[in-house]
Amino acid sequence: MPFKSTVRARTFEEYSDWVRHDGEEFLLILSGQVMFFSEFYEPMSMSEGDSVYYDANMGHMLISTSDEDAHILWVTAK
């Protein structure tokens, strides 16, 4: 299931817990810059055109590191 989203969070602390759900996920940065956090790996800085594919059961979250909100495309498969 694909969907477009806006990343407004600017700090890790804005989340109450890791995001987790069934399936696998593909993430593509459409505009802006983000920091991708995952439960088992080092944080990864990403910018327009970058992508990542991961098991969505692993805790994950994003924050925007650009001046503007970042725009992303998620594609989730179960």
N, C-alpha and C. Protein backbone atom coordinates (compact mmCIF):
# COMPACT_ATOMS: atom_id res chain seq x y z
N MET A 1 0.84 -1.16 0.00
CA MET A 1 0.00 0.00 0.00
C MET A 1 0.90 1.24 0.00
N PRO A 2 0.88 2.05 -1.04
CA PRO A 2 1.69 3.28 -1.08
C PRO A 2 0.94 4.46 -0.48
N PHE A 3 1.64 5.33 0.19
CA PHE A 3 1.05 6.60 0.62
C PHE A 3 2.12 7.65 0.82
N LYS A 4 1.73 8.89 0.53
CA LYS A 4 2.61 10.04 0.69
C LYS A 4 2.39 10.64 2.07
N SER A 5 3.44 11.15 2.67
CA SER A 5 3.33 11.70 4.02
C SER A 5 4.26 12.89 4.18
N THR A 6 3.93 13.72 5.15
CA THR A 6 4.76 14.87 5.51
C THR A 6 5.39 14.60 6.87
N VAL A 7 6.68 14.78 6.99
CA VAL A 7 7.39 14.59 8.26
C VAL A 7 7.55 15.95 8.92
N ARG A 8 6.83 16.15 10.01
CA ARG A 8 6.87 17.43 10.74
C ARG A 8 7.72 17.35 12.01
N ALA A 9 7.90 16.15 12.55
CA ALA A 9 8.67 15.97 13.78
C ALA A 9 10.10 16.46 13.55
N ARG A 10 10.66 17.11 14.57
CA ARG A 10 12.02 17.64 14.48
C ARG A 10 12.97 17.00 15.49
N THR A 11 12.41 16.27 16.46
CA THR A 11 13.26 15.61 17.46
C THR A 11 12.76 14.19 17.72
N PHE A 12 13.67 13.33 18.12
CA PHE A 12 13.37 11.95 18.49
C PHE A 12 12.36 11.91 19.63
N GLU A 13 12.44 12.87 20.53
CA GLU A 13 11.58 12.89 21.72
C GLU A 13 10.12 13.21 21.42
N GLU A 14 9.81 13.64 20.20
CA GLU A 14 8.42 13.91 19.84
C GLU A 14 7.61 12.62 19.69
N TYR A 15 8.29 11.47 19.64
CA TYR A 15 7.60 10.18 19.56
C TYR A 15 7.48 9.59 20.97
N SER A 16 6.36 8.96 21.25
CA SER A 16 6.20 8.32 22.56
C SER A 16 6.83 6.94 22.59
N ASP A 17 6.96 6.31 21.43
CA ASP A 17 7.56 4.99 21.33
C ASP A 17 7.91 4.72 19.86
N TRP A 18 8.62 3.65 19.62
CA TRP A 18 8.93 3.25 18.25
C TRP A 18 7.65 2.97 17.47
N VAL A 19 7.67 3.24 16.18
CA VAL A 19 6.59 2.84 15.28
C VAL A 19 6.90 1.41 14.85
N ARG A 20 5.93 0.51 14.97
CA ARG A 20 6.09 -0.89 14.57
C ARG A 20 4.78 -1.37 13.97
N HIS A 21 4.87 -2.18 12.94
CA HIS A 21 3.67 -2.80 12.37
C HIS A 21 4.10 -3.99 11.51
N ASP A 22 3.15 -4.81 11.16
CA ASP A 22 3.44 -5.98 10.33
C ASP A 22 3.90 -5.57 8.95
N GLY A 23 4.66 -6.43 8.31
CA GLY A 23 5.05 -6.24 6.92
C GLY A 23 6.44 -5.69 6.74
N GLU A 24 6.70 -5.33 5.49
CA GLU A 24 7.96 -4.72 5.09
C GLU A 24 7.65 -3.35 4.53
N GLU A 25 8.64 -2.46 4.55
CA GLU A 25 8.37 -1.09 4.14
C GLU A 25 9.51 -0.54 3.28
N PHE A 26 9.11 0.18 2.25
CA PHE A 26 10.03 0.91 1.39
C PHE A 26 9.75 2.39 1.63
N LEU A 27 10.79 3.18 1.82
CA LEU A 27 10.68 4.61 2.08
C LEU A 27 11.52 5.36 1.06
N LEU A 28 10.92 6.36 0.40
CA LEU A 28 11.62 7.20 -0.58
C LEU A 28 11.45 8.65 -0.16
N ILE A 29 12.55 9.39 -0.08
CA ILE A 29 12.49 10.81 0.28
C ILE A 29 12.18 11.60 -0.98
N LEU A 30 11.03 12.30 -0.98
CA LEU A 30 10.60 13.10 -2.13
C LEU A 30 11.18 14.50 -2.09
N SER A 31 11.24 15.09 -0.89
CA SER A 31 11.85 16.41 -0.73
C SER A 31 12.27 16.60 0.71
N GLY A 32 13.26 17.46 0.91
CA GLY A 32 13.77 17.72 2.25
C GLY A 32 14.82 16.71 2.67
N GLN A 33 15.15 16.77 3.94
CA GLN A 33 16.12 15.85 4.54
C GLN A 33 15.53 15.27 5.80
N VAL A 34 15.81 14.01 6.07
CA VAL A 34 15.31 13.35 7.27
C VAL A 34 16.44 12.56 7.93
N MET A 35 16.21 12.24 9.19
CA MET A 35 17.04 11.27 9.89
C MET A 35 16.14 10.07 10.14
N PHE A 36 16.57 8.91 9.63
CA PHE A 36 15.82 7.67 9.80
C PHE A 36 16.41 6.93 10.99
N PHE A 37 15.60 6.69 12.00
CA PHE A 37 16.02 5.95 13.19
C PHE A 37 15.42 4.56 13.14
N SER A 38 16.21 3.56 13.50
CA SER A 38 15.70 2.20 13.60
C SER A 38 16.23 1.58 14.88
N GLU A 39 15.49 0.62 15.36
CA GLU A 39 15.77 0.00 16.65
C GLU A 39 17.12 -0.71 16.71
N PHE A 40 17.57 -1.27 15.61
CA PHE A 40 18.77 -2.11 15.65
C PHE A 40 19.98 -1.56 14.89
N TYR A 41 19.81 -0.42 14.20
CA TYR A 41 20.89 0.12 13.38
C TYR A 41 21.16 1.58 13.75
N GLU A 42 22.29 2.07 13.31
CA GLU A 42 22.65 3.47 13.54
C GLU A 42 21.69 4.40 12.77
N PRO A 43 21.40 5.60 13.30
CA PRO A 43 20.57 6.56 12.55
C PRO A 43 21.20 6.86 11.19
N MET A 44 20.34 7.09 10.21
CA MET A 44 20.81 7.31 8.84
C MET A 44 20.24 8.63 8.31
N SER A 45 21.13 9.52 7.89
CA SER A 45 20.72 10.79 7.27
C SER A 45 20.33 10.51 5.83
N MET A 46 19.17 11.02 5.42
CA MET A 46 18.66 10.78 4.08
C MET A 46 18.18 12.09 3.47
N SER A 47 18.34 12.22 2.15
CA SER A 47 17.86 13.42 1.45
C SER A 47 17.14 13.00 0.18
N GLU A 48 16.62 13.99 -0.53
CA GLU A 48 15.81 13.75 -1.72
C GLU A 48 16.42 12.69 -2.63
N GLY A 49 15.61 11.68 -2.97
CA GLY A 49 16.06 10.60 -3.85
C GLY A 49 16.58 9.39 -3.11
N ASP A 50 16.92 9.52 -1.83
CA ASP A 50 17.40 8.38 -1.05
C ASP A 50 16.23 7.47 -0.69
N SER A 51 16.53 6.18 -0.50
CA SER A 51 15.49 5.23 -0.12
C SER A 51 16.07 4.18 0.82
N VAL A 52 15.16 3.49 1.50
CA VAL A 52 15.54 2.40 2.40
C VAL A 52 14.40 1.38 2.40
N TYR A 53 14.74 0.12 2.60
CA TYR A 53 13.79 -0.98 2.65
C TYR A 53 14.07 -1.75 3.93
N TYR A 54 13.04 -2.03 4.73
CA TYR A 54 13.27 -2.66 6.03
C TYR A 54 12.05 -3.44 6.50
N ASP A 55 12.28 -4.29 7.49
CA ASP A 55 11.23 -5.05 8.16
C ASP A 55 10.52 -4.08 9.11
N ALA A 56 9.22 -3.84 8.88
CA ALA A 56 8.49 -2.84 9.66
C ALA A 56 8.17 -3.31 11.08
N ASN A 57 8.44 -4.58 11.40
CA ASN A 57 8.30 -5.05 12.79
C ASN A 57 9.40 -4.47 13.67
N MET A 58 10.50 -4.05 13.04
CA MET A 58 11.59 -3.39 13.75
C MET A 58 11.15 -1.96 14.05
N GLY A 59 11.35 -1.49 15.26
CA GLY A 59 11.00 -0.12 15.60
C GLY A 59 11.68 0.86 14.67
N HIS A 60 10.92 1.88 14.22
CA HIS A 60 11.47 2.88 13.31
C HIS A 60 10.74 4.21 13.49
N MET A 61 11.38 5.30 13.08
CA MET A 61 10.78 6.63 13.11
C MET A 61 11.63 7.58 12.29
N LEU A 62 11.04 8.71 11.93
CA LEU A 62 11.70 9.73 11.11
C LEU A 62 11.56 11.09 11.74
N ILE A 63 12.58 11.92 11.56
CA ILE A 63 12.44 13.34 11.88
C ILE A 63 12.95 14.14 10.69
N SER A 64 12.39 15.31 10.48
CA SER A 64 12.86 16.20 9.42
C SER A 64 14.06 16.97 9.96
N THR A 65 15.13 17.00 9.18
CA THR A 65 16.32 17.77 9.57
C THR A 65 16.52 18.98 8.66
N SER A 66 15.57 19.21 7.76
CA SER A 66 15.65 20.38 6.88
C SER A 66 14.81 21.52 7.48
N ASP A 67 14.97 22.72 6.96
CA ASP A 67 14.21 23.87 7.45
C ASP A 67 12.72 23.67 7.25
N GLU A 68 12.35 23.05 6.13
CA GLU A 68 10.95 22.81 5.84
C GLU A 68 10.60 21.37 6.24
N ASP A 69 9.29 21.08 6.30
CA ASP A 69 8.86 19.70 6.52
C ASP A 69 9.33 18.86 5.33
N ALA A 70 9.67 17.62 5.59
CA ALA A 70 10.08 16.71 4.53
C ALA A 70 8.86 15.98 3.96
N HIS A 71 8.93 15.59 2.71
CA HIS A 71 7.85 14.84 2.06
C HIS A 71 8.42 13.49 1.64
N ILE A 72 7.67 12.44 1.95
CA ILE A 72 8.15 11.09 1.72
C ILE A 72 7.07 10.22 1.07
N LEU A 73 7.51 9.12 0.50
CA LEU A 73 6.61 8.12 -0.03
C LEU A 73 6.90 6.82 0.72
N TRP A 74 5.87 6.27 1.37
CA TRP A 74 5.97 4.96 2.03
C TRP A 74 5.29 3.94 1.14
N VAL A 75 5.84 2.76 1.03
CA VAL A 75 5.15 1.64 0.39
C VAL A 75 5.26 0.47 1.36
N THR A 76 4.11 0.03 1.88
CA THR A 76 4.06 -1.04 2.85
C THR A 76 3.49 -2.31 2.23
N ALA A 77 4.14 -3.43 2.45
CA ALA A 77 3.68 -4.73 1.95
C ALA A 77 3.55 -5.68 3.14
N LYS A 78 2.48 -6.41 3.16
CA LYS A 78 2.28 -7.39 4.25
C LYS A 78 2.52 -8.78 3.78
